[in-house]
Protein backbone atom coordinates (compact mmCIF):
# COMPACT_ATOMS: atom_id res chain seq x y z
CA MET A 1 -0.09 -0.02 -0.33
CA LYS A 2 1.54 3.37 -0.75
CA THR A 3 0.25 6.95 0.20
CA ALA A 4 -0.85 9.02 -2.90
CA ALA A 5 1.34 11.86 -3.42
CA ILE A 6 -0.32 15.23 -2.26
CA ALA A 7 -0.84 17.55 -4.87
CA PRO A 8 1.79 20.83 -4.75
CA ASP A 9 -1.20 23.50 -4.00
CA THR A 10 -2.32 21.14 -0.93
CA TRP A 11 1.41 20.82 0.26
CA PHE A 12 2.11 23.91 0.24
CA ALA A 13 -1.36 24.93 2.12
CA LEU A 14 -0.51 22.31 4.60
CA VAL A 15 2.61 24.23 5.51
CA TRP A 16 1.41 27.51 5.27
CA ALA A 17 -1.00 26.82 7.61
CA ALA A 18 1.50 24.88 9.87
CA TRP A 19 3.51 27.38 9.94
CA THR A 20 1.06 29.78 10.64
CA TYR A 21 0.01 27.91 13.84
CA ILE A 22 3.63 27.31 15.13
CA ASP A 23 4.27 31.25 14.71
CA ASN A 24 1.10 32.49 15.91
CA PHE A 25 0.88 30.44 18.80
CA SER A 26 4.64 28.31 19.57
CA ALA A 27 5.25 31.54 22.66
CA ASP A 28 2.07 31.01 24.40
CA ILE A 29 2.69 27.03 24.44
CA LEU A 30 6.52 27.30 25.66
CA GLU A 31 5.02 30.08 28.23
CA GLU A 32 2.28 27.38 29.20
CA VAL A 33 5.15 24.41 29.53
CA THR A 34 7.01 26.57 31.72
CA ARG A 35 3.66 27.43 33.93
CA TRP A 36 2.90 24.27 34.37
CA ARG A 37 6.47 23.14 35.37
CA SER A 38 6.32 25.89 38.08
CA LEU A 39 2.43 24.38 39.38
CA ARG A 40 3.72 20.79 39.08
CA THR A 41 6.63 21.92 41.26
CA ALA A 42 4.99 24.11 43.79
CA GLY A 43 2.38 21.70 44.39
CA ARG A 44 1.57 19.00 47.30
CA LYS A 45 0.58 15.42 46.96
CA VAL A 46 -2.23 14.71 48.56
CA ASP A 47 -3.61 11.21 49.50
CA HIS A 48 -6.80 10.62 47.76
CA GLU A 49 -9.09 10.67 50.49
CA ALA A 50 -7.43 14.64 51.50
CA GLY A 51 -7.92 15.27 48.05
CA GLU A 52 -11.70 14.53 47.96
CA GLN A 53 -11.87 16.12 51.22
CA ILE A 54 -10.15 19.36 49.47
CA LEU A 55 -12.19 18.65 46.36
CA ARG A 56 -15.67 18.78 48.16
CA ALA A 57 -14.97 21.73 50.12
CA TRP A 58 -14.14 23.55 46.94
CA LEU A 59 -17.08 22.51 45.12
CA ALA A 60 -19.56 23.20 48.02
CA ASP A 61 -18.13 26.93 48.15
CA PRO A 62 -21.01 29.17 46.24
CA SER A 63 -18.16 31.27 44.99
CA HIS A 64 -16.38 29.24 42.96
CA LYS A 65 -17.85 28.86 39.70
CA ILE A 66 -17.37 25.91 37.12
CA PRO A 67 -18.63 26.86 33.34
CA VAL A 68 -21.37 24.92 31.99
CA ARG A 69 -22.66 24.37 28.52
CA ILE A 70 -26.06 25.74 28.54
CA ALA A 71 -27.59 25.55 25.09
CA LEU A 72 -27.54 23.00 22.67
CA SER A 73 -25.96 23.91 19.25
CA GLY A 74 -25.64 21.87 15.42
CA SER A 75 -26.97 18.30 15.07
CA GLU A 76 -27.63 18.13 19.23
CA VAL A 77 -30.43 20.00 18.53
CA ARG A 78 -32.29 17.96 16.47
CA SER A 79 -31.29 14.87 17.63
CA PRO A 80 -33.94 12.90 19.43
CA ASP A 81 -32.42 11.66 22.49
CA ARG A 82 -31.14 14.60 23.50
CA GLN A 83 -33.46 17.69 25.10
CA PRO A 84 -32.16 21.15 25.48
CA PRO A 85 -32.11 22.12 29.01
CA ALA A 86 -35.23 23.47 30.64
């Protein structure tokens, strides 16, 4: 089995898109990698039970917001087994 050759117009468009992605987002990605590493270094390990208590306390505080998808869109709206929220 052999993969068909990619047409030059398609190839150059793909390379251009990839380069645009790298050019636009690479600094942000590298910054977040550094941030993630510092968070992991600063974090503390807790056992499962303690983690459960911390999570439950956090969830019980009404000032902590959790993003929720409210509206359905696209094919989900028409799906017979899915109903939009009341």
